[in-house]
Amino acid sequence: MGVNMKKSKLTIGKVLVYLFVILFSLACLYPFLMVIGGSLTTDAEAAAYGFSIIPKNPTLAAYKMLFANKSTILNGYKITLFVTIVGTAVSVIVNAMMGYVLSRKALRFRSFINLYVLLTMLFNGGMVPWYIVCTKYLHLKNNIWALIVPSLVSAWYIFLIRNYFTSVPDEMWESAKLDGAGEFIIFRKIYLALAKPVIATVVLFSALGFWNDWWLGLMLIDSSEKQPLQMLLRTIVANIQFLQTMGNKSAEAQALLASVPSDGVKMAMVIITTGPILLLYPFLQKYFIKGIMVGAVKG
């Protein structure tokens, strides 16, 4: 009877835990649903009743405006996908190789190199020197690689990976060396194979960074054909804000604003830009917590 009561208590406990998780998940999902509802709401309805998950008179006007020039938006998607995929892959390789080198205790000047990498997290040369280096010396002006190269290396990623690699027993490295393996083989077949959690964490953070970036497009890209999606949508929102400031001075601006759900466009932009990147989470979520915890604490 005692065993049955214990099982019953455990079952009730699990039900309460599941209930809490479900409620917490709904609380996290609610703002996103509100954004979806807001993207389908007219400005008049929002002013009268506020935003809701299910609008009284839903409209696709915001999405129609964003996709009025469909070829431009699709080209922005193409540029952003290329930058995200290629940039993330190269960034992970570069940061992982640097993290592996710094994890080797036999490396000469290891402490100095670690300090040098750390200083890049604390200080930078400023915007003007950065722009001169990118345009004059790296020739990245109006080049698709301008959206990738400046963001390839991150000191935080390097230290995260280095700390994880430091937790790998030295005996594994010594054993591979005795078998005749070179440094690159050891790095690729042993360290990378064991570092899936931290690599998945860096992939997620790096992909988010490349996907959400608009600053490099603003600074280094002049051609609209090479602008990333975030920069194109930012330009659209800026144009709407300009119309709002001119609304009291121009009858034409007032007429345009009457047909444009300004708040709805902003929320539609959120849906368009965040939707695809959310697909990464189901694949990387199981590695994420372990990777960031071990990589941040070990070493």
C-alpha atoms as a PDB file:
ATOM      1  CA  MET A   1       0.000   0.000   0.000  1.00  0.00           C
ATOM      2  CA  GLY A   2       2.916   2.312   0.855  1.00  0.00           C
ATOM      3  CA  VAL A   3       4.454   1.599  -2.548  1.00  0.00           C
ATOM      4  CA  ASN A   4       1.164   2.413  -4.302  1.00  0.00           C
ATOM      5  CA  MET A   5       0.874   5.693  -2.421  1.00  0.00           C
ATOM      6  CA  LYS A   6       4.460   6.545  -3.354  1.00  0.00           C
ATOM      7  CA  LYS A   7       3.746   5.838  -7.023  1.00  0.00           C
ATOM      8  CA  SER A   8       0.592   7.953  -6.794  1.00  0.00           C
ATOM      9  CA  LYS A   9       2.528  10.873  -5.313  1.00  0.00           C
ATOM     10  CA  LEU A  10       5.167  10.604  -8.008  1.00  0.00           C
ATOM     11  CA  THR A  11       2.484  10.608 -10.681  1.00  0.00           C
ATOM     12  CA  ILE A  12       0.825  13.686  -9.212  1.00  0.00           C
ATOM     13  CA  GLY A  13       4.222  15.355  -9.008  1.00  0.00           C
ATOM     14  CA  LYS A  14       4.916  14.639 -12.664  1.00  0.00           C
ATOM     15  CA  VAL A  15       1.492  15.966 -13.650  1.00  0.00           C
ATOM     16  CA  LEU A  16       2.176  19.195 -11.772  1.00  0.00           C
ATOM     17  CA  VAL A  17       5.568  19.545 -13.433  1.00  0.00           C
ATOM     18  CA  TYR A  18       4.089  18.944 -16.883  1.00  0.00           C
ATOM     19  CA  LEU A  19       1.292  21.412 -16.141  1.00  0.00           C
ATOM     20  CA  PHE A  20       3.797  24.042 -15.065  1.00  0.00           C
ATOM     21  CA  VAL A  21       5.913  23.483 -18.201  1.00  0.00           C
ATOM     22  CA  ILE A  22       2.825  23.736 -20.442  1.00  0.00           C
ATOM     23  CA  LEU A  23       1.702  26.973 -18.786  1.00  0.00           C
ATOM     24  CA  PHE A  24       5.192  28.411 -18.964  1.00  0.00           C
ATOM     25  CA  SER A  25       5.443  27.462 -22.655  1.00  0.00           C
ATOM     26  CA  LEU A  26       2.115  29.155 -23.373  1.00  0.00           C
ATOM     27  CA  ALA A  27       3.311  32.269 -21.537  1.00  0.00           C
ATOM     28  CA  CYS A  28       6.418  32.326 -23.757  1.00  0.00           C
ATOM     29  CA  LEU A  29       4.354  31.680 -26.886  1.00  0.00           C
ATOM     30  CA  TYR A  30       1.763  34.379 -26.126  1.00  0.00           C
ATOM     31  CA  PRO A  31       3.911  37.409 -27.145  1.00  0.00           C
ATOM     32  CA  PHE A  32       4.784  35.745 -30.462  1.00  0.00           C
ATOM     33  CA  LEU A  33       1.086  35.086 -31.135  1.00  0.00           C
ATOM     34  CA  MET A  34       0.393  38.713 -30.293  1.00  0.00           C
ATOM     35  CA  VAL A  35       2.956  39.777 -32.885  1.00  0.00           C
ATOM     36  CA  ILE A  36       1.273  37.556 -35.487  1.00  0.00           C
ATOM     37  CA  GLY A  37      -2.119  39.064 -34.599  1.00  0.00           C
ATOM     38  CA  GLY A  38      -0.655  42.564 -34.665  1.00  0.00           C
ATOM     39  CA  SER A  39       0.739  42.012 -38.141  1.00  0.00           C
ATOM     40  CA  LEU A  40      -2.825  41.298 -39.313  1.00  0.00           C
ATOM     41  CA  THR A  41      -4.365  44.336 -37.580  1.00  0.00           C
ATOM     42  CA  THR A  42      -5.130  47.710 -39.131  1.00  0.00           C
ATOM     43  CA  ASP A  43      -3.974  50.895 -37.439  1.00  0.00           C
ATOM     44  CA  ALA A  44      -7.572  51.992 -36.902  1.00  0.00           C
ATOM     45  CA  GLU A  45      -8.463  48.773 -35.082  1.00  0.00           C
ATOM     46  CA  ALA A  46      -5.259  48.913 -33.043  1.00  0.00           C
ATOM     47  CA  ALA A  47      -6.045  52.481 -31.981  1.00  0.00           C
ATOM     48  CA  ALA A  48      -9.636  51.582 -31.048  1.00  0.00           C
ATOM     49  CA  TYR A  49      -9.232  48.151 -29.416  1.00  0.00           C
ATOM     50  CA  GLY A  50      -5.511  47.503 -29.119  1.00  0.00           C
ATOM     51  CA  PHE A  51      -3.721  44.419 -30.404  1.00  0.00           C
ATOM     52  CA  SER A  52      -5.040  40.898 -29.914  1.00  0.00           C
ATOM     53  CA  ILE A  53      -4.165  37.375 -31.010  1.00  0.00           C
ATOM     54  CA  ILE A  54      -7.233  37.220 -33.246  1.00  0.00           C
ATOM     55  CA  PRO A  55      -8.021  40.609 -34.879  1.00  0.00           C
ATOM     56  CA  LYS A  56     -11.642  41.597 -35.466  1.00  0.00           C
ATOM     57  CA  ASN A  57     -10.973  42.426 -39.124  1.00  0.00           C
ATOM     58  CA  PRO A  58      -7.733  40.684 -40.127  1.00  0.00           C
ATOM     59  CA  THR A  59      -5.880  42.088 -43.122  1.00  0.00           C
ATOM     60  CA  LEU A  60      -2.785  41.125 -45.097  1.00  0.00           C
ATOM     61  CA  ALA A  61      -2.030  44.743 -46.008  1.00  0.00           C
ATOM     62  CA  ALA A  62       1.260  44.756 -44.084  1.00  0.00           C
ATOM     63  CA  TYR A  63       2.517  41.628 -45.860  1.00  0.00           C
ATOM     64  CA  LYS A  64       1.313  42.920 -49.225  1.00  0.00           C
ATOM     65  CA  MET A  65       3.319  46.083 -48.696  1.00  0.00           C
ATOM     66  CA  LEU A  66       6.471  44.213 -47.688  1.00  0.00           C
ATOM     67  CA  PHE A  67       6.152  41.911 -50.692  1.00  0.00           C
ATOM     68  CA  ALA A  68       5.075  44.649 -53.108  1.00  0.00           C
ATOM     69  CA  ASN A  69       8.499  44.311 -54.676  1.00  0.00           C
ATOM     70  CA  LYS A  70       8.712  40.540 -54.384  1.00  0.00           C
ATOM     71  CA  SER A  71      11.961  40.152 -56.337  1.00  0.00           C
ATOM     72  CA  THR A  72      13.802  42.533 -53.988  1.00  0.00           C
ATOM     73  CA  ILE A  73      12.645  40.709 -50.849  1.00  0.00           C
ATOM     74  CA  LEU A  74      13.435  37.286 -52.320  1.00  0.00           C
ATOM     75  CA  ASN A  75      16.875  38.520 -53.357  1.00  0.00           C
ATOM     76  CA  GLY A  76      17.379  39.777 -49.798  1.00  0.00           C
ATOM     77  CA  TYR A  77      16.453  36.316 -48.528  1.00  0.00           C
ATOM     78  CA  LYS A  78      18.947  34.766 -50.946  1.00  0.00           C
ATOM     79  CA  ILE A  79      21.749  37.074 -49.808  1.00  0.00           C
ATOM     80  CA  THR A  80      20.958  36.525 -46.124  1.00  0.00           C
ATOM     81  CA  LEU A  81      20.764  32.739 -46.495  1.00  0.00           C
ATOM     82  CA  PHE A  82      24.119  32.668 -48.283  1.00  0.00           C
ATOM     83  CA  VAL A  83      25.734  34.909 -45.675  1.00  0.00           C
ATOM     84  CA  THR A  84      24.256  32.912 -42.779  1.00  0.00           C
ATOM     85  CA  ILE A  85      25.185  29.463 -44.102  1.00  0.00           C
ATOM     86  CA  VAL A  86      28.666  30.293 -45.414  1.00  0.00           C
ATOM     87  CA  GLY A  87      29.483  32.727 -42.610  1.00  0.00           C
ATOM     88  CA  THR A  88      28.418  30.309 -39.880  1.00  0.00           C
ATOM     89  CA  ALA A  89      30.375  27.399 -41.381  1.00  0.00           C
ATOM     90  CA  VAL A  90      33.576  29.402 -41.842  1.00  0.00           C
ATOM     91  CA  SER A  91      33.210  31.135 -38.476  1.00  0.00           C
ATOM     92  CA  VAL A  92      32.853  27.828 -36.624  1.00  0.00           C
ATOM     93  CA  ILE A  93      35.914  26.375 -38.382  1.00  0.00           C
ATOM     94  CA  VAL A  94      38.091  29.445 -37.720  1.00  0.00           C
ATOM     95  CA  ASN A  95      37.056  29.839 -34.075  1.00  0.00           C
ATOM     96  CA  ALA A  96      37.332  26.091 -33.408  1.00  0.00           C
ATOM     97  CA  MET A  97      40.854  25.941 -34.858  1.00  0.00           C
ATOM     98  CA  MET A  98      41.900  28.925 -32.763  1.00  0.00           C
ATOM     99  CA  GLY A  99      40.290  27.406 -29.674  1.00  0.00           C
ATOM    100  CA  TYR A 100      42.125  24.119 -30.275  1.00  0.00           C
ATOM    101  CA  VAL A 101      45.498  25.859 -30.603  1.00  0.00           C
ATOM    102  CA  LEU A 102      44.962  27.848 -27.393  1.00  0.00           C
ATOM    103  CA  SER A 103      43.902  24.682 -25.525  1.00  0.00           C
ATOM    104  CA  ARG A 104      47.344  23.113 -26.083  1.00  0.00           C
ATOM    105  CA  LYS A 105      49.472  23.741 -22.991  1.00  0.00           C
ATOM    106  CA  ALA A 106      52.690  23.220 -24.963  1.00  0.00           C
ATOM    107  CA  LEU A 107      51.972  26.201 -27.230  1.00  0.00           C
ATOM    108  CA  ARG A 108      54.697  28.848 -27.010  1.00  0.00           C
ATOM    109  CA  PHE A 109      53.514  32.297 -25.912  1.00  0.00           C
ATOM    110  CA  ARG A 110      50.142  30.742 -25.048  1.00  0.00           C
ATOM    111  CA  SER A 111      49.502  33.189 -22.199  1.00  0.00           C
ATOM    112  CA  PHE A 112      50.349  36.198 -24.368  1.00  0.00           C
ATOM    113  CA  ILE A 113      48.053  35.026 -27.192  1.00  0.00           C
ATOM    114  CA  ASN A 114      45.236  34.393 -24.698  1.00  0.00           C
ATOM    115  CA  LEU A 115      45.691  37.903 -23.336  1.00  0.00           C
ATOM    116  CA  TYR A 116      45.742  39.357 -26.849  1.00  0.00           C
ATOM    117  CA  VAL A 117      42.454  37.625 -27.708  1.00  0.00           C
ATOM    118  CA  LEU A 118      40.940  38.758 -24.410  1.00  0.00           C
ATOM    119  CA  LEU A 119      41.877  42.393 -25.063  1.00  0.00           C
ATOM    120  CA  THR A 120      39.861  42.353 -28.287  1.00  0.00           C
ATOM    121  CA  MET A 121      36.759  41.782 -26.147  1.00  0.00           C
ATOM    122  CA  LEU A 122      37.508  44.885 -24.087  1.00  0.00           C
ATOM    123  CA  PHE A 123      38.924  47.375 -26.587  1.00  0.00           C
ATOM    124  CA  ASN A 124      38.588  48.199 -30.272  1.00  0.00           C
ATOM    125  CA  GLY A 125      40.130  50.718 -32.627  1.00  0.00           C
ATOM    126  CA  GLY A 126      36.887  52.580 -33.311  1.00  0.00           C
ATOM    127  CA  MET A 127      34.584  52.862 -36.291  1.00  0.00           C
ATOM    128  CA  VAL A 128      36.825  54.946 -38.564  1.00  0.00           C
ATOM    129  CA  PRO A 129      39.914  52.668 -38.395  1.00  0.00           C
ATOM    130  CA  TRP A 130      37.629  49.634 -38.765  1.00  0.00           C
ATOM    131  CA  TYR A 131      36.047  51.140 -41.893  1.00  0.00           C
ATOM    132  CA  ILE A 132      39.441  52.022 -43.401  1.00  0.00           C
ATOM    133  CA  VAL A 133      40.762  48.490 -42.821  1.00  0.00           C
ATOM    134  CA  CYS A 134      37.649  46.909 -44.349  1.00  0.00           C
ATOM    135  CA  THR A 135      37.525  49.130 -47.430  1.00  0.00           C
ATOM    136  CA  LYS A 136      41.129  50.111 -48.182  1.00  0.00           C
ATOM    137  CA  TYR A 137      43.087  47.054 -47.080  1.00  0.00           C
ATOM    138  CA  LEU A 138      40.591  44.193 -47.249  1.00  0.00           C
ATOM    139  CA  HIS A 139      38.720  45.643 -50.269  1.00  0.00           C
ATOM    140  CA  LEU A 140      35.338  44.674 -48.855  1.00  0.00           C
ATOM    141  CA  LYS A 141      33.378  47.693 -50.071  1.00  0.00           C
ATOM    142  CA  ASN A 142      30.212  46.634 -51.917  1.00  0.00           C
ATOM    143  CA  ASN A 143      31.308  42.994 -51.829  1.00  0.00           C
ATOM    144  CA  ILE A 144      29.235  40.058 -50.630  1.00  0.00           C
ATOM    145  CA  TRP A 145      32.142  39.012 -48.409  1.00  0.00           C
ATOM    146  CA  ALA A 146      31.781  42.327 -46.592  1.00  0.00           C
ATOM    147  CA  LEU A 147      28.778  40.745 -44.849  1.00  0.00           C
ATOM    148  CA  ILE A 148      30.860  37.765 -43.694  1.00  0.00           C
ATOM    149  CA  VAL A 149      34.547  38.518 -43.095  1.00  0.00           C
ATOM    150  CA  PRO A 150      34.244  41.276 -40.407  1.00  0.00           C
ATOM    151  CA  SER A 151      32.156  38.943 -38.196  1.00  0.00           C
ATOM    152  CA  LEU A 152      34.082  35.700 -38.653  1.00  0.00           C
ATOM    153  CA  VAL A 153      36.171  35.748 -35.480  1.00  0.00           C
ATOM    154  CA  SER A 154      34.744  36.179 -31.985  1.00  0.00           C
ATOM    155  CA  ALA A 155      36.891  36.134 -28.863  1.00  0.00           C
ATOM    156  CA  TRP A 156      33.952  34.812 -26.847  1.00  0.00           C
ATOM    157  CA  TYR A 157      33.472  31.865 -29.218  1.00  0.00           C
ATOM    158  CA  ILE A 158      37.211  31.144 -29.098  1.00  0.00           C
ATOM    159  CA  PHE A 159      37.274  31.019 -25.298  1.00  0.00           C
ATOM    160  CA  LEU A 160      34.072  28.975 -25.169  1.00  0.00           C
ATOM    161  CA  ILE A 161      35.554  26.349 -27.503  1.00  0.00           C
ATOM    162  CA  ARG A 162      38.999  26.517 -25.898  1.00  0.00           C
ATOM    163  CA  ASN A 163      37.575  25.830 -22.451  1.00  0.00           C
ATOM    164  CA  TYR A 164      35.657  22.848 -23.782  1.00  0.00           C
ATOM    165  CA  PHE A 165      38.743  21.452 -25.519  1.00  0.00           C
ATOM    166  CA  THR A 166      40.727  21.898 -22.308  1.00  0.00           C
ATOM    167  CA  SER A 167      38.391  19.397 -20.623  1.00  0.00           C
ATOM    168  CA  VAL A 168      39.433  16.656 -23.094  1.00  0.00           C
ATOM    169  CA  PRO A 169      42.030  14.391 -21.369  1.00  0.00           C
ATOM    170  CA  ASP A 170      45.591  14.902 -22.609  1.00  0.00           C
ATOM    171  CA  GLU A 171      45.960  11.121 -22.780  1.00  0.00           C
ATOM    172  CA  MET A 172      43.716  11.074 -25.858  1.00  0.00           C
ATOM    173  CA  TRP A 173      45.989  13.546 -27.639  1.00  0.00           C
ATOM    174  CA  GLU A 174      49.111  11.605 -26.624  1.00  0.00           C
ATOM    175  CA  SER A 175      47.592   8.301 -27.750  1.00  0.00           C
ATOM    176  CA  ALA A 176      46.708   9.755 -31.152  1.00  0.00           C
ATOM    177  CA  LYS A 177      50.219  11.166 -31.490  1.00  0.00           C
ATOM    178  CA  LEU A 178      51.721   7.750 -30.752  1.00  0.00           C
ATOM    179  CA  ASP A 179      49.559   6.310 -33.533  1.00  0.00           C
ATOM    180  CA  GLY A 180      51.072   8.814 -35.956  1.00  0.00           C
ATOM    181  CA  ALA A 181      48.175  11.262 -36.229  1.00  0.00           C
ATOM    182  CA  GLY A 182      48.965  14.870 -37.071  1.00  0.00           C
ATOM    183  CA  GLU A 183      47.509  17.920 -35.351  1.00  0.00           C
ATOM    184  CA  PHE A 184      44.803  18.477 -37.960  1.00  0.00           C
ATOM    185  CA  ILE A 185      43.684  14.819 -37.806  1.00  0.00           C
ATOM    186  CA  ILE A 186      43.553  14.978 -33.998  1.00  0.00           C
ATOM    187  CA  PHE A 187      41.591  18.226 -34.170  1.00  0.00           C
ATOM    188  CA  ARG A 188      39.106  16.935 -36.751  1.00  0.00           C
ATOM    189  CA  LYS A 189      38.565  13.330 -35.665  1.00  0.00           C
ATOM    190  CA  ILE A 190      38.912  13.582 -31.885  1.00  0.00           C
ATOM    191  CA  TYR A 191      38.329  17.093 -30.578  1.00  0.00           C
ATOM    192  CA  LEU A 192      35.583  18.131 -32.983  1.00  0.00           C
ATOM    193  CA  ALA A 193      33.890  14.749 -32.589  1.00  0.00           C
ATOM    194  CA  LEU A 194      33.781  15.228 -28.809  1.00  0.00           C
ATOM    195  CA  ALA A 195      32.755  18.886 -28.966  1.00  0.00           C
ATOM    196  CA  LYS A 196      29.299  18.598 -30.556  1.00  0.00           C
ATOM    197  CA  PRO A 197      27.536  20.462 -27.697  1.00  0.00           C
ATOM    198  CA  VAL A 198      29.812  23.505 -27.770  1.00  0.00           C
ATOM    199  CA  ILE A 199      30.023  23.521 -31.582  1.00  0.00           C
ATOM    200  CA  ALA A 200      26.211  23.446 -31.777  1.00  0.00           C
ATOM    201  CA  THR A 201      26.087  26.373 -29.352  1.00  0.00           C
ATOM    202  CA  VAL A 202      28.520  28.398 -31.457  1.00  0.00           C
ATOM    203  CA  VAL A 203      26.601  27.465 -34.637  1.00  0.00           C
ATOM    204  CA  LEU A 204      23.384  28.791 -33.103  1.00  0.00           C
ATOM    205  CA  PHE A 205      24.876  32.053 -31.849  1.00  0.00           C
ATOM    206  CA  SER A 206      26.848  32.625 -35.040  1.00  0.00           C
ATOM    207  CA  ALA A 207      23.859  31.916 -37.286  1.00  0.00           C
ATOM    208  CA  LEU A 208      21.705  34.318 -35.276  1.00  0.00           C
ATOM    209  CA  GLY A 209      24.389  36.974 -35.557  1.00  0.00           C
ATOM    210  CA  PHE A 210      24.727  36.668 -39.340  1.00  0.00           C
ATOM    211  CA  TRP A 211      20.960  36.394 -39.887  1.00  0.00           C
ATOM    212  CA  ASN A 212      20.078  39.457 -37.808  1.00  0.00           C
ATOM    213  CA  ASP A 213      22.953  41.674 -38.961  1.00  0.00           C
ATOM    214  CA  TRP A 214      22.100  44.868 -40.831  1.00  0.00           C
ATOM    215  CA  TRP A 215      25.014  47.042 -39.689  1.00  0.00           C
ATOM    216  CA  LEU A 216      27.523  45.614 -42.176  1.00  0.00           C
ATOM    217  CA  GLY A 217      25.022  46.107 -44.988  1.00  0.00           C
ATOM    218  CA  LEU A 218      24.584  49.731 -43.964  1.00  0.00           C
ATOM    219  CA  MET A 219      28.309  50.452 -43.688  1.00  0.00           C
ATOM    220  CA  LEU A 220      29.835  48.441 -46.522  1.00  0.00           C
ATOM    221  CA  ILE A 221      27.125  47.733 -49.138  1.00  0.00           C
ATOM    222  CA  ASP A 222      25.861  50.384 -51.552  1.00  0.00           C
ATOM    223  CA  SER A 223      24.159  48.205 -54.158  1.00  0.00           C
ATOM    224  CA  SER A 224      20.556  47.295 -53.325  1.00  0.00           C
ATOM    225  CA  GLU A 225      21.083  43.944 -55.072  1.00  0.00           C
ATOM    226  CA  LYS A 226      23.597  42.949 -52.380  1.00  0.00           C
ATOM    227  CA  GLN A 227      21.675  44.228 -49.369  1.00  0.00           C
ATOM    228  CA  PRO A 228      20.718  41.582 -46.779  1.00  0.00           C
ATOM    229  CA  LEU A 229      17.098  41.048 -45.813  1.00  0.00           C
ATOM    230  CA  GLN A 230      17.396  42.871 -42.486  1.00  0.00           C
ATOM    231  CA  MET A 231      18.751  45.989 -44.163  1.00  0.00           C
ATOM    232  CA  LEU A 232      15.994  46.008 -46.791  1.00  0.00           C
ATOM    233  CA  LEU A 233      13.266  45.711 -44.177  1.00  0.00           C
ATOM    234  CA  ARG A 234      14.916  48.346 -42.023  1.00  0.00           C
ATOM    235  CA  THR A 235      14.813  50.691 -45.015  1.00  0.00           C
ATOM    236  CA  ILE A 236      11.086  50.031 -45.455  1.00  0.00           C
ATOM    237  CA  VAL A 237      10.386  50.828 -41.801  1.00  0.00           C
ATOM    238  CA  ALA A 238      12.527  53.972 -42.046  1.00  0.00           C
ATOM    239  CA  ASN A 239      10.481  55.092 -45.059  1.00  0.00           C
ATOM    240  CA  ILE A 240       7.249  54.584 -43.101  1.00  0.00           C
ATOM    241  CA  GLN A 241       8.616  56.604 -40.197  1.00  0.00           C
ATOM    242  CA  PHE A 242       9.584  59.358 -42.633  1.00  0.00           C
ATOM    243  CA  LEU A 243       6.027  59.412 -43.985  1.00  0.00           C
ATOM    244  CA  GLN A 244       4.725  59.695 -40.422  1.00  0.00           C
ATOM    245  CA  THR A 245       6.915  62.735 -39.753  1.00  0.00           C
ATOM    246  CA  MET A 246       5.760  64.300 -43.021  1.00  0.00           C
ATOM    247  CA  GLY A 247       2.109  63.388 -42.500  1.00  0.00           C
ATOM    248  CA  ASN A 248       1.152  66.784 -41.079  1.00  0.00           C
ATOM    249  CA  LYS A 249       2.913  68.662 -43.891  1.00  0.00           C
ATOM    250  CA  SER A 250       1.873  66.748 -46.971  1.00  0.00           C
ATOM    251  CA  ALA A 251      -1.534  65.590 -48.184  1.00  0.00           C
ATOM    252  CA  GLU A 252       0.157  62.892 -50.281  1.00  0.00           C
ATOM    253  CA  ALA A 253       1.929  61.535 -47.193  1.00  0.00           C
ATOM    254  CA  GLN A 254      -1.377  61.426 -45.313  1.00  0.00           C
ATOM    255  CA  ALA A 255      -2.982  59.501 -48.176  1.00  0.00           C
ATOM    256  CA  LEU A 256      -0.154  56.961 -48.210  1.00  0.00           C
ATOM    257  CA  LEU A 257      -0.246  56.518 -44.429  1.00  0.00           C
ATOM    258  CA  ALA A 258      -3.996  55.873 -44.544  1.00  0.00           C
ATOM    259  CA  SER A 259      -3.374  52.716 -46.588  1.00  0.00           C
ATOM    260  CA  VAL A 260      -0.279  51.554 -44.669  1.00  0.00           C
ATOM    261  CA  PRO A 261      -0.642  49.791 -41.288  1.00  0.00           C
ATOM    262  CA  SER A 262       2.609  51.169 -39.889  1.00  0.00           C
ATOM    263  CA  ASP A 263       2.609  49.107 -36.673  1.00  0.00           C
ATOM    264  CA  GLY A 264       1.433  46.072 -38.606  1.00  0.00           C
ATOM    265  CA  VAL A 265       4.366  46.400 -41.009  1.00  0.00           C
ATOM    266  CA  LYS A 266       6.831  46.383 -38.118  1.00  0.00           C
ATOM    267  CA  MET A 267       5.268  43.245 -36.671  1.00  0.00           C
ATOM    268  CA  ALA A 268       5.080  41.592 -40.083  1.00  0.00           C
ATOM    269  CA  MET A 269       8.773  42.336 -40.457  1.00  0.00           C
ATOM    270  CA  VAL A 270       9.421  40.501 -37.177  1.00  0.00           C
ATOM    271  CA  ILE A 271       7.545  37.447 -38.460  1.00  0.00           C
ATOM    272  CA  ILE A 272       9.361  37.444 -41.802  1.00  0.00           C
ATOM    273  CA  THR A 273      12.820  37.793 -40.271  1.00  0.00           C
ATOM    274  CA  THR A 274      12.526  35.497 -37.242  1.00  0.00           C
ATOM    275  CA  GLY A 275      10.475  32.666 -38.760  1.00  0.00           C
ATOM    276  CA  PRO A 276      13.220  30.849 -40.714  1.00  0.00           C
ATOM    277  CA  ILE A 277      15.906  31.120 -38.026  1.00  0.00           C
ATOM    278  CA  LEU A 278      13.569  29.452 -35.493  1.00  0.00           C
ATOM    279  CA  LEU A 279      13.995  26.227 -37.466  1.00  0.00           C
ATOM    280  CA  LEU A 280      17.516  25.925 -36.031  1.00  0.00           C
ATOM    281  CA  TYR A 281      16.362  25.532 -32.448  1.00  0.00           C
ATOM    282  CA  PRO A 282      14.784  22.037 -32.652  1.00  0.00           C
ATOM    283  CA  PHE A 283      18.025  20.623 -34.092  1.00  0.00           C
ATOM    284  CA  LEU A 284      20.449  22.350 -31.706  1.00  0.00           C
ATOM    285  CA  GLN A 285      18.440  22.639 -28.500  1.00  0.00           C
ATOM    286  CA  LYS A 286      19.576  19.303 -27.032  1.00  0.00           C
ATOM    287  CA  TYR A 287      23.217  20.418 -27.249  1.00  0.00           C
ATOM    288  CA  PHE A 288      22.733  24.038 -26.269  1.00  0.00           C
ATOM    289  CA  ILE A 289      22.642  23.946 -22.436  1.00  0.00           C
ATOM    290  CA  LYS A 290      25.424  21.391 -22.128  1.00  0.00           C
ATOM    291  CA  GLY A 291      27.647  23.217 -24.589  1.00  0.00           C
ATOM    292  CA  ILE A 292      27.382  26.671 -23.047  1.00  0.00           C
ATOM    293  CA  MET A 293      27.719  25.389 -19.460  1.00  0.00           C
ATOM    294  CA  VAL A 294      30.709  23.115 -20.015  1.00  0.00           C
ATOM    295  CA  GLY A 295      32.404  25.557 -22.377  1.00  0.00           C
ATOM    296  CA  ALA A 296      32.004  28.421 -19.923  1.00  0.00           C
ATOM    297  CA  VAL A 297      33.095  26.589 -16.778  1.00  0.00           C
ATOM    298  CA  LYS A 298      35.780  24.087 -17.736  1.00  0.00           C
ATOM    299  CA  GLY A 299      39.442  25.089 -17.894  1.00  0.00           C
END
